[in-house]
Amino acid sequence: MAVIGLATLGYAVVEWIDASDKADSLQAAFLQANLAGLRSTAYAVSTSVGFVILLVGTVLVVFGGVVSLRSNEEAFF
């Protein structure tokens, strides 16, 4: 469980970085379009709170896996 949680956490961090880069690119394109007069206003684009929830959830999975492993070790010894 802990290994799967760590893998998921790593994947979530990589995806958050990728989404942030894409959001920055999209924000720059909107700003450029606004300056060219193609759009009336520039929109703000950023990663949302969903990524924070995903990261917290994966940390909880890792914690649950570690706690489960520790409780299983005590049962065997």
N, C-alpha and C. Protein backbone atom coordinates (compact mmCIF):
# COMPACT_ATOMS: atom_id res chain seq x y z
N MET A 1 0.83 -1.18 0.00
CA MET A 1 0.00 0.00 0.00
C MET A 1 0.88 1.25 0.00
N ALA A 2 1.93 1.23 0.84
CA ALA A 2 2.81 2.40 0.93
C ALA A 2 3.55 2.62 -0.38
N VAL A 3 3.97 1.55 -1.04
CA VAL A 3 4.69 1.67 -2.31
C VAL A 3 3.77 2.23 -3.39
N ILE A 4 2.55 1.75 -3.43
CA ILE A 4 1.58 2.28 -4.39
C ILE A 4 1.30 3.75 -4.10
N GLY A 5 1.20 4.10 -2.83
CA GLY A 5 0.98 5.50 -2.45
C GLY A 5 2.14 6.39 -2.87
N LEU A 6 3.38 5.90 -2.69
CA LEU A 6 4.55 6.68 -3.10
C LEU A 6 4.59 6.84 -4.62
N ALA A 7 4.27 5.77 -5.34
CA ALA A 7 4.23 5.87 -6.80
C ALA A 7 3.17 6.86 -7.26
N THR A 8 2.02 6.81 -6.63
CA THR A 8 0.94 7.73 -6.97
C THR A 8 1.31 9.17 -6.62
N LEU A 9 1.98 9.34 -5.49
CA LEU A 9 2.44 10.68 -5.09
C LEU A 9 3.43 11.23 -6.11
N GLY A 10 4.38 10.40 -6.53
CA GLY A 10 5.34 10.84 -7.55
C GLY A 10 4.66 11.21 -8.85
N TYR A 11 3.70 10.40 -9.27
CA TYR A 11 2.95 10.68 -10.49
C TYR A 11 2.15 11.98 -10.35
N ALA A 12 1.55 12.20 -9.19
CA ALA A 12 0.77 13.41 -8.96
C ALA A 12 1.65 14.66 -9.02
N VAL A 13 2.85 14.57 -8.46
CA VAL A 13 3.76 15.72 -8.49
C VAL A 13 4.19 16.02 -9.93
N VAL A 14 4.50 14.97 -10.70
CA VAL A 14 4.89 15.18 -12.10
C VAL A 14 3.74 15.80 -12.89
N GLU A 15 2.53 15.32 -12.67
CA GLU A 15 1.38 15.88 -13.38
C GLU A 15 1.08 17.31 -12.94
N TRP A 16 1.30 17.62 -11.65
CA TRP A 16 1.08 18.99 -11.18
C TRP A 16 2.06 19.93 -11.87
N ILE A 17 3.31 19.52 -11.97
CA ILE A 17 4.32 20.35 -12.64
C ILE A 17 3.95 20.54 -14.10
N ASP A 18 3.51 19.46 -14.76
CA ASP A 18 3.11 19.55 -16.16
C ASP A 18 1.90 20.47 -16.32
N ALA A 19 0.92 20.34 -15.46
CA ALA A 19 -0.26 21.19 -15.53
C ALA A 19 0.08 22.65 -15.27
N SER A 20 1.01 22.90 -14.36
CA SER A 20 1.43 24.28 -14.08
C SER A 20 2.13 24.89 -15.29
N ASP A 21 2.97 24.10 -15.96
CA ASP A 21 3.64 24.60 -17.16
C ASP A 21 2.63 24.90 -18.27
N LYS A 22 1.65 24.01 -18.44
CA LYS A 22 0.63 24.24 -19.46
C LYS A 22 -0.22 25.46 -19.11
N ALA A 23 -0.51 25.63 -17.83
CA ALA A 23 -1.30 26.79 -17.40
C ALA A 23 -0.53 28.08 -17.66
N ASP A 24 0.77 28.07 -17.40
CA ASP A 24 1.59 29.26 -17.67
C ASP A 24 1.60 29.59 -19.16
N SER A 25 1.72 28.56 -20.00
CA SER A 25 1.71 28.78 -21.44
C SER A 25 0.37 29.33 -21.91
N LEU A 26 -0.70 28.77 -21.39
CA LEU A 26 -2.04 29.23 -21.76
C LEU A 26 -2.28 30.66 -21.27
N GLN A 27 -1.81 30.96 -20.06
CA GLN A 27 -1.94 32.32 -19.52
C GLN A 27 -1.20 33.31 -20.42
N ALA A 28 0.01 32.95 -20.86
CA ALA A 28 0.78 33.83 -21.73
C ALA A 28 0.08 34.03 -23.07
N ALA A 29 -0.53 32.97 -23.60
CA ALA A 29 -1.25 33.10 -24.87
C ALA A 29 -2.46 34.00 -24.72
N PHE A 30 -3.18 33.86 -23.61
CA PHE A 30 -4.32 34.75 -23.37
C PHE A 30 -3.88 36.20 -23.24
N LEU A 31 -2.78 36.43 -22.55
CA LEU A 31 -2.27 37.79 -22.39
C LEU A 31 -1.85 38.37 -23.73
N GLN A 32 -1.18 37.56 -24.54
CA GLN A 32 -0.76 38.02 -25.86
C GLN A 32 -1.97 38.35 -26.73
N ALA A 33 -2.99 37.52 -26.68
CA ALA A 33 -4.21 37.79 -27.45
C ALA A 33 -4.90 39.05 -26.95
N ASN A 34 -4.87 39.27 -25.64
CA ASN A 34 -5.48 40.46 -25.08
C ASN A 34 -4.73 41.71 -25.54
N LEU A 35 -3.41 41.64 -25.54
CA LEU A 35 -2.61 42.79 -25.97
C LEU A 35 -2.80 43.07 -27.45
N ALA A 36 -3.06 42.04 -28.23
CA ALA A 36 -3.28 42.22 -29.67
C ALA A 36 -4.70 42.69 -29.97
N GLY A 37 -5.56 42.75 -28.96
CA GLY A 37 -6.91 43.22 -29.15
C GLY A 37 -7.86 42.14 -29.63
N LEU A 38 -7.43 40.90 -29.60
CA LEU A 38 -8.28 39.81 -30.06
C LEU A 38 -9.30 39.38 -29.01
N ARG A 39 -8.99 39.66 -27.75
CA ARG A 39 -9.91 39.31 -26.65
C ARG A 39 -10.13 40.56 -25.82
N SER A 40 -11.28 40.65 -25.23
CA SER A 40 -11.58 41.84 -24.44
C SER A 40 -10.88 41.81 -23.08
N THR A 41 -10.69 40.62 -22.51
CA THR A 41 -10.01 40.52 -21.22
C THR A 41 -9.09 39.31 -21.22
N ALA A 42 -8.07 39.36 -20.38
CA ALA A 42 -7.18 38.21 -20.22
C ALA A 42 -7.68 37.36 -19.07
N TYR A 43 -7.62 36.07 -19.25
CA TYR A 43 -8.10 35.14 -18.23
C TYR A 43 -6.94 34.64 -17.40
N ALA A 44 -7.19 34.38 -16.14
CA ALA A 44 -6.19 33.79 -15.25
C ALA A 44 -6.33 32.27 -15.32
N VAL A 45 -5.22 31.59 -15.52
CA VAL A 45 -5.21 30.14 -15.60
C VAL A 45 -4.19 29.62 -14.60
N SER A 46 -4.60 28.69 -13.77
CA SER A 46 -3.67 28.10 -12.81
C SER A 46 -4.16 26.71 -12.43
N THR A 47 -3.30 25.97 -11.73
CA THR A 47 -3.73 24.67 -11.23
C THR A 47 -4.73 24.90 -10.12
N SER A 48 -5.63 23.95 -9.96
CA SER A 48 -6.71 24.15 -8.99
C SER A 48 -6.44 23.40 -7.70
N VAL A 49 -7.36 23.51 -6.79
CA VAL A 49 -7.26 22.88 -5.49
C VAL A 49 -7.34 21.36 -5.61
N GLY A 50 -7.80 20.85 -6.73
CA GLY A 50 -7.89 19.42 -6.95
C GLY A 50 -6.54 18.73 -6.82
N PHE A 51 -5.49 19.39 -7.28
CA PHE A 51 -4.16 18.82 -7.16
C PHE A 51 -3.73 18.75 -5.70
N VAL A 52 -4.08 19.73 -4.91
CA VAL A 52 -3.75 19.71 -3.49
C VAL A 52 -4.47 18.55 -2.80
N ILE A 53 -5.73 18.36 -3.15
CA ILE A 53 -6.49 17.25 -2.59
C ILE A 53 -5.87 15.92 -3.01
N LEU A 54 -5.45 15.82 -4.26
CA LEU A 54 -4.79 14.61 -4.74
C LEU A 54 -3.51 14.33 -3.96
N LEU A 55 -2.70 15.35 -3.73
CA LEU A 55 -1.45 15.17 -2.99
C LEU A 55 -1.71 14.76 -1.54
N VAL A 56 -2.67 15.40 -0.91
CA VAL A 56 -3.01 15.05 0.48
C VAL A 56 -3.53 13.61 0.54
N GLY A 57 -4.35 13.22 -0.42
CA GLY A 57 -4.86 11.87 -0.45
C GLY A 57 -3.77 10.83 -0.62
N THR A 58 -2.80 11.10 -1.48
CA THR A 58 -1.71 10.14 -1.67
C THR A 58 -0.82 10.06 -0.43
N VAL A 59 -0.63 11.17 0.25
CA VAL A 59 0.14 11.14 1.50
C VAL A 59 -0.59 10.30 2.54
N LEU A 60 -1.91 10.41 2.58
CA LEU A 60 -2.69 9.60 3.51
C LEU A 60 -2.61 8.11 3.16
N VAL A 61 -2.56 7.79 1.88
CA VAL A 61 -2.40 6.39 1.46
C VAL A 61 -1.06 5.85 1.93
N VAL A 62 0.00 6.64 1.75
CA VAL A 62 1.33 6.23 2.20
C VAL A 62 1.32 6.03 3.72
N PHE A 63 0.75 6.96 4.44
CA PHE A 63 0.69 6.87 5.89
C PHE A 63 -0.09 5.63 6.31
N GLY A 64 -1.22 5.37 5.67
CA GLY A 64 -2.01 4.19 5.98
C GLY A 64 -1.24 2.91 5.70
N GLY A 65 -0.47 2.89 4.62
CA GLY A 65 0.33 1.71 4.31
C GLY A 65 1.41 1.47 5.33
N VAL A 66 2.06 2.53 5.78
CA VAL A 66 3.12 2.40 6.80
C VAL A 66 2.52 1.94 8.12
N VAL A 67 1.41 2.51 8.52
CA VAL A 67 0.76 2.11 9.77
C VAL A 67 0.31 0.66 9.69
N SER A 68 -0.24 0.25 8.57
CA SER A 68 -0.66 -1.14 8.39
C SER A 68 0.52 -2.08 8.45
N LEU A 69 1.61 -1.70 7.84
CA LEU A 69 2.82 -2.53 7.86
C LEU A 69 3.35 -2.68 9.28
N ARG A 70 3.37 -1.59 10.01
CA ARG A 70 3.86 -1.65 11.40
C ARG A 70 2.96 -2.51 12.27
N SER A 71 1.65 -2.43 12.07
CA SER A 71 0.75 -3.24 12.89
C SER A 71 0.87 -4.71 12.53
N ASN A 72 1.12 -5.02 11.26
CA ASN A 72 1.32 -6.41 10.84
C ASN A 72 2.63 -6.98 11.38
N GLU A 73 3.68 -6.16 11.46
CA GLU A 73 4.95 -6.62 12.00
C GLU A 73 4.81 -6.95 13.49
N GLU A 74 4.07 -6.15 14.21
CA GLU A 74 3.88 -6.41 15.65
C GLU A 74 3.06 -7.68 15.86
N ALA A 75 2.17 -8.02 14.95
CA ALA A 75 1.36 -9.22 15.08
C ALA A 75 2.19 -10.48 14.86
N PHE A 76 3.24 -10.35 14.00
CA PHE A 76 4.06 -11.51 13.70
C PHE A 76 5.14 -11.77 14.73
N PHE A 77 5.49 -10.78 15.50
CA PHE A 77 6.60 -10.94 16.47
C PHE A 77 6.13 -10.98 17.87
